[in-house]
Protein backbone atom coordinates (compact mmCIF):
# COMPACT_ATOMS: atom_id res chain seq x y z
CA MET A 1 23.81 75.09 -3.27
CA LYS A 2 20.96 72.78 -4.94
CA PRO A 3 22.14 69.81 -6.91
CA LYS A 4 21.90 70.24 -10.50
CA VAL A 5 19.60 67.95 -12.45
CA ALA A 6 19.15 67.25 -16.05
CA THR A 7 16.60 65.11 -17.87
CA VAL A 8 17.51 63.98 -21.68
CA TRP A 9 15.40 62.60 -24.39
CA LEU A 10 17.00 60.42 -26.95
CA THR A 11 15.07 58.16 -29.31
CA GLY A 12 11.95 57.39 -27.77
CA CYS A 13 8.37 58.62 -27.28
CA SER A 14 8.58 61.00 -24.55
CA GLY A 15 6.40 58.80 -22.15
CA CYS A 16 8.98 58.88 -19.47
CA HIS A 17 9.16 62.77 -19.44
CA MET A 18 5.14 62.39 -19.44
CA SER A 19 5.58 60.55 -16.38
CA PHE A 20 7.98 62.90 -14.78
CA LEU A 21 5.28 65.59 -15.34
CA ASP A 22 2.74 63.36 -13.62
CA LEU A 23 4.65 64.19 -10.39
CA ASP A 24 2.02 66.84 -10.27
CA GLU A 25 2.21 68.87 -7.02
CA ARG A 26 5.52 67.25 -6.08
CA LEU A 27 7.14 68.99 -8.91
CA ILE A 28 6.89 72.07 -6.58
CA GLU A 29 8.35 70.14 -3.87
CA LEU A 30 11.33 68.92 -6.12
CA ALA A 31 12.14 72.43 -7.28
CA ASP A 32 12.77 73.64 -3.82
CA LYS A 33 15.52 70.65 -3.65
CA MET A 34 16.86 71.00 -7.07
CA GLU A 35 18.14 73.14 -10.22
CA LEU A 36 16.86 71.75 -13.24
CA VAL A 37 19.52 72.86 -15.65
CA PHE A 38 18.64 70.79 -18.76
CA SER A 39 15.37 69.17 -20.13
CA PRO A 40 13.30 68.98 -23.15
CA ILE A 41 10.67 70.75 -20.86
CA ILE A 42 12.77 73.94 -20.43
CA ASP A 43 14.44 76.02 -23.41
CA ILE A 44 18.02 75.55 -22.87
CA LYS A 45 20.23 74.47 -25.90
CA ASP A 46 23.56 73.37 -24.59
CA PHE A 47 24.15 70.54 -21.97
CA PRO A 48 25.75 72.06 -19.00
CA LYS A 49 28.98 71.13 -17.04
CA ASP A 50 28.85 69.81 -13.47
CA VAL A 51 25.69 68.05 -13.50
CA ASP A 52 24.77 66.14 -10.36
CA VAL A 53 22.21 63.84 -11.65
CA THR A 54 20.88 63.29 -15.33
CA LEU A 55 18.05 60.93 -16.34
CA VAL A 56 18.28 59.84 -19.80
CA GLU A 57 15.23 58.49 -21.85
CA GLY A 58 15.28 56.70 -24.79
CA ALA A 59 17.50 54.44 -27.05
CA VAL A 60 20.86 55.40 -28.59
CA SER A 61 19.72 54.79 -32.11
CA LYS A 62 21.10 57.89 -34.18
CA ASP A 63 24.54 59.28 -34.49
CA GLU A 64 23.63 62.59 -32.59
CA ASP A 65 22.23 60.33 -29.86
CA GLU A 66 25.65 58.45 -29.31
CA HIS A 67 27.67 61.85 -29.44
CA PHE A 68 25.01 63.31 -27.00
CA ALA A 69 25.52 60.40 -24.66
CA HIS A 70 29.27 61.00 -24.42
CA ILE A 71 28.56 64.48 -23.73
CA ILE A 72 26.21 63.71 -20.81
CA ARG A 73 28.57 61.02 -19.31
CA ARG A 74 31.48 63.64 -19.42
CA ASN A 75 29.41 66.20 -17.67
CA SER A 76 27.54 64.33 -15.23
CA LYS A 77 28.17 62.82 -11.83
CA PHE A 78 25.50 60.40 -11.82
CA VAL A 79 23.70 58.91 -14.96
CA VAL A 80 20.54 57.10 -14.73
CA SER A 81 18.96 55.14 -17.37
CA PHE A 82 15.19 56.38 -17.55
CA GLY A 83 12.64 53.79 -18.69
CA ASP A 84 13.08 50.67 -20.69
CA CYS A 85 14.32 52.37 -24.08
CA ALA A 86 17.30 53.55 -22.25
CA VAL A 87 17.48 50.35 -19.98
CA MET A 88 17.15 47.78 -22.79
CA GLY A 89 16.35 49.29 -26.36
CA ASN A 90 12.47 48.20 -25.71
CA VAL A 91 10.22 49.40 -28.62
CA THR A 92 13.05 51.58 -30.29
CA ALA A 93 15.06 48.43 -30.82
CA MET A 94 12.08 46.57 -32.69
CA ARG A 95 13.76 48.18 -35.71
CA ASN A 96 17.07 46.05 -35.35
CA ARG A 97 15.86 43.07 -37.24
CA PHE A 98 15.80 45.50 -40.24
CA SER A 99 18.77 47.42 -42.11
CA SER A 100 18.87 51.12 -41.95
CA ALA A 101 18.57 51.10 -45.69
CA GLU A 102 15.26 49.08 -45.48
CA ILE A 103 13.86 51.30 -42.87
CA LEU A 104 15.06 54.45 -45.02
CA ASN A 105 13.44 52.82 -48.16
CA ARG A 106 10.18 51.86 -46.48
CA SER A 107 9.96 55.50 -44.86
CA TYR A 108 10.84 57.39 -47.78
CA ILE A 109 9.93 55.50 -50.82
CA GLU A 110 7.31 52.95 -50.07
CA LEU A 111 5.04 55.14 -47.88
CA ALA A 112 5.53 58.34 -49.82
CA GLU A 113 2.52 60.10 -50.96
CA SER A 114 4.51 61.18 -54.06
CA VAL A 115 7.87 60.31 -55.65
CA GLY A 116 10.03 59.88 -52.71
CA VAL A 117 13.59 60.38 -52.14
CA VAL A 118 15.76 58.87 -49.62
CA PRO A 119 18.00 61.57 -47.94
CA ASN A 120 21.66 61.22 -48.25
CA ASP A 121 22.52 64.27 -46.79
CA TYR A 122 22.35 64.34 -42.93
CA ASN A 123 21.69 68.02 -42.71
CA THR A 124 17.87 67.46 -42.45
CA ILE A 125 17.69 64.12 -40.69
CA ALA A 126 20.21 62.35 -38.29
CA LYS A 127 22.24 59.51 -39.50
CA MET A 128 20.75 56.40 -38.02
CA LEU A 129 23.09 53.67 -36.29
CA PRO A 130 22.97 50.23 -37.63
CA SER A 131 20.89 49.19 -34.61
CA ALA A 132 19.07 50.93 -31.67
CA ARG A 133 21.05 50.40 -28.42
CA PRO A 134 20.47 50.67 -24.71
CA LEU A 135 22.41 53.42 -22.98
CA HIS A 136 24.73 51.31 -20.94
CA GLU A 137 26.00 50.00 -24.09
CA ILE A 138 27.43 53.27 -24.92
CA ILE A 139 28.40 55.09 -21.80
CA LYS A 140 28.80 54.04 -17.91
CA VAL A 141 25.45 54.16 -16.45
CA ASP A 142 25.12 54.40 -12.66
CA ALA A 143 21.32 53.42 -12.13
CA PHE A 144 18.27 51.85 -14.10
CA ILE A 145 14.91 53.06 -13.62
CA HIS A 146 12.75 50.29 -15.29
CA GLY A 147 9.11 50.91 -16.88
CA CYS A 148 7.32 51.87 -20.06
CA PRO A 149 7.16 54.42 -18.66
CA PRO A 150 8.27 54.51 -15.29
CA THR A 151 5.35 55.57 -12.60
CA ALA A 152 5.35 58.89 -11.25
CA ASP A 153 6.11 57.15 -7.87
CA GLN A 154 9.03 55.39 -8.98
CA ILE A 155 10.60 58.45 -10.62
CA TRP A 156 9.72 60.57 -7.25
CA PHE A 157 11.28 57.74 -5.06
CA ALA A 158 14.41 57.48 -7.12
CA VAL A 159 14.94 61.41 -7.83
CA SER A 160 14.14 62.01 -3.89
CA GLU A 161 16.92 59.50 -3.02
CA LEU A 162 19.49 60.72 -5.65
CA LEU A 163 18.82 64.33 -4.16
CA GLU A 164 19.68 63.03 -0.65
CA GLY A 165 22.98 61.50 -1.87
CA ARG A 166 21.58 57.80 -1.65
CA LEU A 167 21.29 55.34 -4.14
CA PRO A 168 17.91 54.24 -4.62
CA VAL A 169 16.99 50.60 -4.04
CA PHE A 170 13.57 48.79 -4.54
CA SER A 171 12.53 46.15 -6.66
CA THR A 172 12.12 48.31 -9.80
CA ILE A 173 15.36 49.88 -9.95
CA TYR A 174 18.64 48.02 -10.56
CA LEU A 175 21.87 49.25 -9.82
CA ARG A 176 25.24 48.89 -11.49
CA TYR A 177 28.45 49.54 -9.59
CA GLY A 178 31.82 50.26 -10.92
């Protein structure tokens, strides 16, 4: 049975997933070695159970990100912070010097083309957390792939090693044990 792999996009730019797609013909080789069970690049709505490896792109900056992170951890054997937003907050965390109220006011009032209104019901937008945080501050993370975004070669090496049951070790991947 092939290992089940998922990729997830929290709050970020999708650059890590673009680098994943930059694997080009190596994607065909990966398809022979794994089953992609969840990803923004495939149309599956619910995160599955018993995932072997999950790559998580993006910082945790909304209540739905935090909720989803716990679902991922509960259903994944191995969780990888995928790119600098997941690893340390990166660009997404630049908003941390402002309050959520300041950001919403700037977005919905100051920059509105007509009379703006800050949404107060979170059915249309996700509720912002007070700060954007790296994934490991919310859930246990097993490995970190640095880069903004990581290169296709870094991703290839890390995923190949994980599919072989080995922890990837090279200068741009930092592991955390325990």
